[in-house]
Amino acid sequence: MILGVSGWLGEKMGIQESHVRIGFVVAFFLFGTGVALYIILWIVKVLSK
């Protein structure tokens, strides 16, 4: 979306970026963790470079 986490994670896992985005939205609405998970993964992405 904004920080490139969906594309990065999709590439690492070998799945489509859109599926990762859908997963974040579902996690947000069902569990309330989508935004927090996105931020944590962005930090991991930045630190792994």
C-alpha atoms as a PDB file:
ATOM      1  CA  MET A   1       0.000   0.000   0.000  1.00  0.00           C
ATOM      2  CA  ILE A   2       2.002   2.941   1.241  1.00  0.00           C
ATOM      3  CA  LEU A   3       5.230   1.423   2.490  1.00  0.00           C
ATOM      4  CA  GLY A   4       5.581  -1.515   0.085  1.00  0.00           C
ATOM      5  CA  VAL A   5       5.080  -4.206   2.702  1.00  0.00           C
ATOM      6  CA  SER A   6       2.485  -6.155   0.724  1.00  0.00           C
ATOM      7  CA  GLY A   7       4.688  -6.433  -2.349  1.00  0.00           C
ATOM      8  CA  TRP A   8       7.748  -7.339  -0.285  1.00  0.00           C
ATOM      9  CA  LEU A   9       5.904  -9.957   1.754  1.00  0.00           C
ATOM     10  CA  GLY A  10       4.197 -11.411  -1.321  1.00  0.00           C
ATOM     11  CA  GLU A  11       7.558 -11.757  -3.028  1.00  0.00           C
ATOM     12  CA  LYS A  12       9.087 -13.470   0.016  1.00  0.00           C
ATOM     13  CA  MET A  13       6.170 -15.886   0.371  1.00  0.00           C
ATOM     14  CA  GLY A  14       5.637 -16.483  -3.355  1.00  0.00           C
ATOM     15  CA  ILE A  15       2.042 -15.246  -3.435  1.00  0.00           C
ATOM     16  CA  GLN A  16       0.296 -12.341  -5.121  1.00  0.00           C
ATOM     17  CA  GLU A  17       0.493  -8.894  -3.563  1.00  0.00           C
ATOM     18  CA  SER A  18      -3.294  -8.524  -3.707  1.00  0.00           C
ATOM     19  CA  HIS A  19      -3.751 -11.633  -1.545  1.00  0.00           C
ATOM     20  CA  VAL A  20      -1.452 -10.166   1.091  1.00  0.00           C
ATOM     21  CA  ARG A  21      -3.443  -6.920   1.050  1.00  0.00           C
ATOM     22  CA  ILE A  22      -6.698  -8.824   1.474  1.00  0.00           C
ATOM     23  CA  GLY A  23      -5.128 -10.652   4.420  1.00  0.00           C
ATOM     24  CA  PHE A  24      -4.223  -7.342   6.081  1.00  0.00           C
ATOM     25  CA  VAL A  25      -7.763  -6.021   5.621  1.00  0.00           C
ATOM     26  CA  VAL A  26      -9.315  -9.203   7.007  1.00  0.00           C
ATOM     27  CA  ALA A  27      -6.909  -9.164   9.966  1.00  0.00           C
ATOM     28  CA  PHE A  28      -7.836  -5.562  10.657  1.00  0.00           C
ATOM     29  CA  PHE A  29     -11.593  -6.098  10.620  1.00  0.00           C
ATOM     30  CA  LEU A  30     -11.701  -9.477  12.366  1.00  0.00           C
ATOM     31  CA  PHE A  31      -8.899  -9.200  14.879  1.00  0.00           C
ATOM     32  CA  GLY A  32      -7.908  -5.516  14.913  1.00  0.00           C
ATOM     33  CA  THR A  33      -4.282  -6.399  14.228  1.00  0.00           C
ATOM     34  CA  GLY A  34      -3.875  -5.482  10.559  1.00  0.00           C
ATOM     35  CA  VAL A  35      -2.345  -2.035  11.106  1.00  0.00           C
ATOM     36  CA  ALA A  36      -0.033  -3.158  13.904  1.00  0.00           C
ATOM     37  CA  LEU A  37       1.097  -6.165  11.872  1.00  0.00           C
ATOM     38  CA  TYR A  38       1.722  -3.929   8.844  1.00  0.00           C
ATOM     39  CA  ILE A  39       3.922  -1.581  10.904  1.00  0.00           C
ATOM     40  CA  ILE A  40       5.869  -4.452  12.453  1.00  0.00           C
ATOM     41  CA  LEU A  41       6.497  -5.986   9.025  1.00  0.00           C
ATOM     42  CA  TRP A  42       7.580  -2.598   7.663  1.00  0.00           C
ATOM     43  CA  ILE A  43      10.178  -2.369  10.446  1.00  0.00           C
ATOM     44  CA  VAL A  44      11.388  -5.891   9.623  1.00  0.00           C
ATOM     45  CA  LYS A  45      11.595  -4.954   5.944  1.00  0.00           C
ATOM     46  CA  VAL A  46      13.646  -1.838   6.664  1.00  0.00           C
ATOM     47  CA  LEU A  47      16.002  -3.621   9.046  1.00  0.00           C
ATOM     48  CA  SER A  48      16.566  -6.555   6.667  1.00  0.00           C
ATOM     49  CA  LYS A  49      18.115  -4.385   3.948  1.00  0.00           C
END
